[in-house]
Amino acid sequence: MALLNAQEIKTNTSMGGNVDPDKFMHLLFDVQVLILEPTLGTALYDKIVSDFDGNTLAGDYLEMFNSYIKPVLWHSVYAQYLRDGIILAQNTGIYENTPENGTTPDIENVKYVAKSAQSKAAVYLERLERYLCDKNIAEYDNSQPNDYDINPQDASGSSGWYLDGVPSSVRYYKKYYDI
């Protein structure tokens, strides 16, 4: 289940309003599973999704969703779209996405904007983890034994950064996106 709609992503990022949702909404599920679930743990992630589906988010869960989860999703989807949106795969082949009267942007400029969006998401992830620790959310456990797929403390990446004092979810995010 998508925790956002296309308009929320467009409204809260620099993504143009005329971008076809088919070009980026598939990225939302990936971000939910690869970024949000390792941060929340599977039990809390499942509760958020279930309450969202049932329109019963309330109290600390609603505050967490509106203040932290949504911004993580907005900025992460936007960053991922910037990286993936350059290439189109269609029935006739794979193409670089270039408008008729435009030019393809320099890849360094695209990387710069994507990393900026990723950095915003990382800030919200850090705030989310502090919120989870401060509020003592029942489904959240720092050791996260309820994770079926990945424990953010065990996540490895290629950057080689050691970020002492930075929450594990943010370390995972930075390693995953190499920022």
Protein backbone atom coordinates (compact mmCIF):
# COMPACT_ATOMS: atom_id res chain seq x y z
CA MET A 1 0.00 0.00 0.00
CA ALA A 2 1.31 3.42 -0.96
CA LEU A 3 1.53 5.72 2.05
CA LEU A 4 1.45 8.83 -0.17
CA ASN A 5 -0.24 9.97 -3.33
CA ALA A 6 1.52 11.49 -6.32
CA GLN A 7 0.29 15.01 -5.60
CA GLU A 8 1.88 15.00 -2.13
CA ILE A 9 5.27 14.17 -3.62
CA LYS A 10 4.94 16.86 -6.29
CA THR A 11 3.73 19.50 -3.83
CA ASN A 12 6.49 18.90 -1.28
CA THR A 13 9.47 18.61 -3.61
CA SER A 14 10.77 20.41 -6.69
CA MET A 15 9.19 17.82 -8.96
CA GLY A 16 7.11 19.46 -11.66
CA GLY A 17 3.35 19.18 -11.40
CA ASN A 18 3.05 17.71 -14.88
CA VAL A 19 5.32 14.71 -14.22
CA ASP A 20 3.35 11.55 -14.96
CA PRO A 21 2.79 9.58 -11.71
CA ASP A 22 3.49 6.36 -13.65
CA LYS A 23 7.10 7.55 -13.89
CA PHE A 24 7.70 7.69 -10.12
CA MET A 25 4.97 6.10 -8.00
CA HIS A 26 6.51 2.64 -8.38
CA LEU A 27 9.54 4.03 -6.51
CA LEU A 28 7.42 4.72 -3.42
CA PHE A 29 7.06 1.04 -2.54
CA ASP A 30 10.82 0.54 -2.90
CA VAL A 31 11.50 3.49 -0.60
CA GLN A 32 8.98 2.19 1.94
CA VAL A 33 10.65 -1.23 2.02
CA LEU A 34 14.31 -0.21 1.62
CA ILE A 35 14.37 2.95 3.76
CA LEU A 36 11.32 3.18 6.02
CA GLU A 37 10.90 -0.43 7.14
CA PRO A 38 14.53 -0.86 8.28
CA THR A 39 14.17 2.32 10.33
CA LEU A 40 10.85 1.45 11.96
CA GLY A 41 11.29 -2.29 12.22
CA THR A 42 8.81 -4.64 10.62
CA ALA A 43 6.29 -4.65 13.49
CA LEU A 44 5.97 -0.86 13.60
CA TYR A 45 6.06 -0.56 9.80
CA ASP A 46 3.22 -3.09 9.54
CA LYS A 47 1.21 -1.20 12.18
CA ILE A 48 1.66 2.12 10.37
CA VAL A 49 0.62 0.58 7.04
CA SER A 50 -2.34 -1.24 8.62
CA ASP A 51 -3.56 1.86 10.47
CA PHE A 52 -3.08 3.97 7.34
CA ASP A 53 -5.09 1.50 5.26
CA GLY A 54 -7.82 1.44 7.90
CA ASN A 55 -7.74 5.23 8.27
CA THR A 56 -7.13 4.78 12.02
CA LEU A 57 -3.75 6.48 12.50
CA ALA A 58 -3.98 8.47 15.73
CA GLY A 59 -1.94 9.93 18.57
CA ASP A 60 1.82 9.44 18.43
CA TYR A 61 1.48 7.30 15.29
CA LEU A 62 -0.31 10.09 13.40
CA GLU A 63 2.21 12.68 14.60
CA MET A 64 5.09 10.40 13.56
CA PHE A 65 3.48 9.79 10.17
CA ASN A 66 2.81 13.45 9.37
CA SER A 67 5.95 15.00 10.86
CA TYR A 68 8.63 12.44 9.96
CA ILE A 69 7.53 9.57 7.74
CA LYS A 70 5.93 11.66 5.00
CA PRO A 71 8.98 13.93 4.54
CA VAL A 72 11.30 10.90 4.38
CA LEU A 73 9.11 9.42 1.65
CA TRP A 74 8.71 12.68 -0.33
CA HIS A 75 12.41 13.42 -0.50
CA SER A 76 13.52 9.80 -0.99
CA VAL A 77 11.14 9.21 -3.89
CA TYR A 78 12.16 12.49 -5.50
CA ALA A 79 15.86 11.64 -5.15
CA GLN A 80 15.30 8.19 -6.63
CA TYR A 81 13.27 9.62 -9.52
CA LEU A 82 16.04 12.09 -10.34
CA ARG A 83 18.46 9.20 -10.65
CA ASP A 84 16.12 6.89 -12.56
CA GLY A 85 14.15 9.43 -14.63
CA ILE A 86 16.93 10.05 -17.11
CA ILE A 87 16.44 6.70 -18.82
CA LEU A 88 13.24 5.42 -20.44
CA ALA A 89 12.66 1.75 -21.17
CA GLN A 90 9.96 1.34 -23.81
CA ASN A 91 8.78 -1.28 -26.29
CA THR A 92 11.17 0.05 -28.91
CA GLY A 93 14.25 0.08 -26.67
CA ILE A 94 16.01 2.01 -23.94
CA TYR A 95 16.43 5.75 -24.41
CA GLU A 96 17.77 8.80 -22.67
CA ASN A 97 14.82 10.98 -21.72
CA THR A 98 15.27 14.29 -23.60
CA PRO A 99 12.45 16.77 -24.31
CA GLU A 100 11.99 17.89 -27.94
CA ASN A 101 13.27 21.43 -27.40
CA GLY A 102 15.63 20.70 -24.51
CA THR A 103 18.95 19.22 -23.62
CA THR A 104 19.91 16.51 -21.20
CA PRO A 105 21.24 18.01 -17.96
CA ASP A 106 24.82 17.43 -16.92
CA ILE A 107 24.91 14.25 -14.80
CA GLU A 108 26.81 16.10 -12.04
CA ASN A 109 23.92 18.56 -11.72
CA VAL A 110 21.45 15.68 -11.44
CA LYS A 111 23.61 14.01 -8.78
CA TYR A 112 23.85 17.29 -6.87
CA VAL A 113 20.07 17.75 -6.73
CA ALA A 114 19.50 14.07 -5.90
CA LYS A 115 22.01 14.20 -3.04
CA SER A 116 20.35 17.35 -1.74
CA ALA A 117 16.99 15.54 -1.60
CA GLN A 118 18.65 12.50 -0.01
CA SER A 119 20.23 14.71 2.64
CA LYS A 120 16.83 16.16 3.51
CA ALA A 121 15.42 12.66 3.88
CA ALA A 122 18.37 11.68 6.09
CA VAL A 123 17.63 14.60 8.43
CA TYR A 124 14.02 13.45 8.80
CA LEU A 125 15.20 9.87 9.36
CA GLU A 126 17.43 11.03 12.19
CA ARG A 127 14.58 13.01 13.73
CA LEU A 128 12.26 10.01 13.32
CA GLU A 129 14.67 7.76 15.18
CA ARG A 130 14.99 10.28 18.03
CA TYR A 131 11.19 10.55 18.16
CA LEU A 132 10.90 6.77 18.38
CA CYS A 133 13.34 6.65 21.28
CA ASP A 134 11.74 9.59 23.10
CA LYS A 135 8.15 8.38 22.77
CA ASN A 136 8.73 4.75 23.72
CA ILE A 137 6.58 3.38 20.91
CA ALA A 138 5.50 -0.15 21.84
CA GLU A 139 6.21 -1.74 18.44
CA TYR A 140 9.65 -0.16 18.19
CA ASP A 141 12.65 -1.84 19.75
CA ASN A 142 16.17 -0.53 19.24
CA SER A 143 17.48 -4.05 18.65
CA GLN A 144 14.67 -4.57 16.12
CA PRO A 145 14.35 -8.36 16.51
CA ASN A 146 11.14 -8.16 14.51
CA ASP A 147 12.89 -7.38 11.22
CA TYR A 148 12.41 -10.05 8.63
CA ASP A 149 14.71 -8.64 6.00
CA ILE A 150 17.37 -6.28 7.29
CA ASN A 151 18.63 -4.80 10.51
CA PRO A 152 19.90 -1.28 9.81
CA GLN A 153 22.79 -1.79 12.21
CA ASP A 154 24.03 -4.67 10.06
CA ALA A 155 23.63 -2.84 6.74
CA SER A 156 26.80 -2.43 4.79
CA GLY A 157 27.63 -0.08 1.97
CA SER A 158 30.47 0.89 -0.25
CA SER A 159 31.22 4.35 1.13
CA GLY A 160 33.32 3.15 4.06
CA TRP A 161 32.06 6.01 6.25
CA TYR A 162 31.94 5.56 9.98
CA LEU A 163 29.43 7.96 11.48
CA ASP A 164 29.81 7.69 15.25
CA GLY A 165 26.87 9.18 17.10
CA VAL A 166 24.62 9.07 14.05
CA PRO A 167 21.52 6.85 14.36
CA SER A 168 21.80 3.51 12.61
CA SER A 169 18.97 4.26 10.17
CA VAL A 170 20.77 7.36 8.96
CA ARG A 171 24.04 5.41 8.63
CA TYR A 172 22.14 2.84 6.56
CA TYR A 173 20.57 5.54 4.41
CA LYS A 174 23.91 7.24 3.81
CA LYS A 175 25.56 3.95 2.94
CA TYR A 176 22.68 2.85 0.69
CA TYR A 177 22.75 6.09 -1.24
CA ASP A 178 26.49 6.72 -0.78
CA ILE A 179 26.04 10.31 0.43
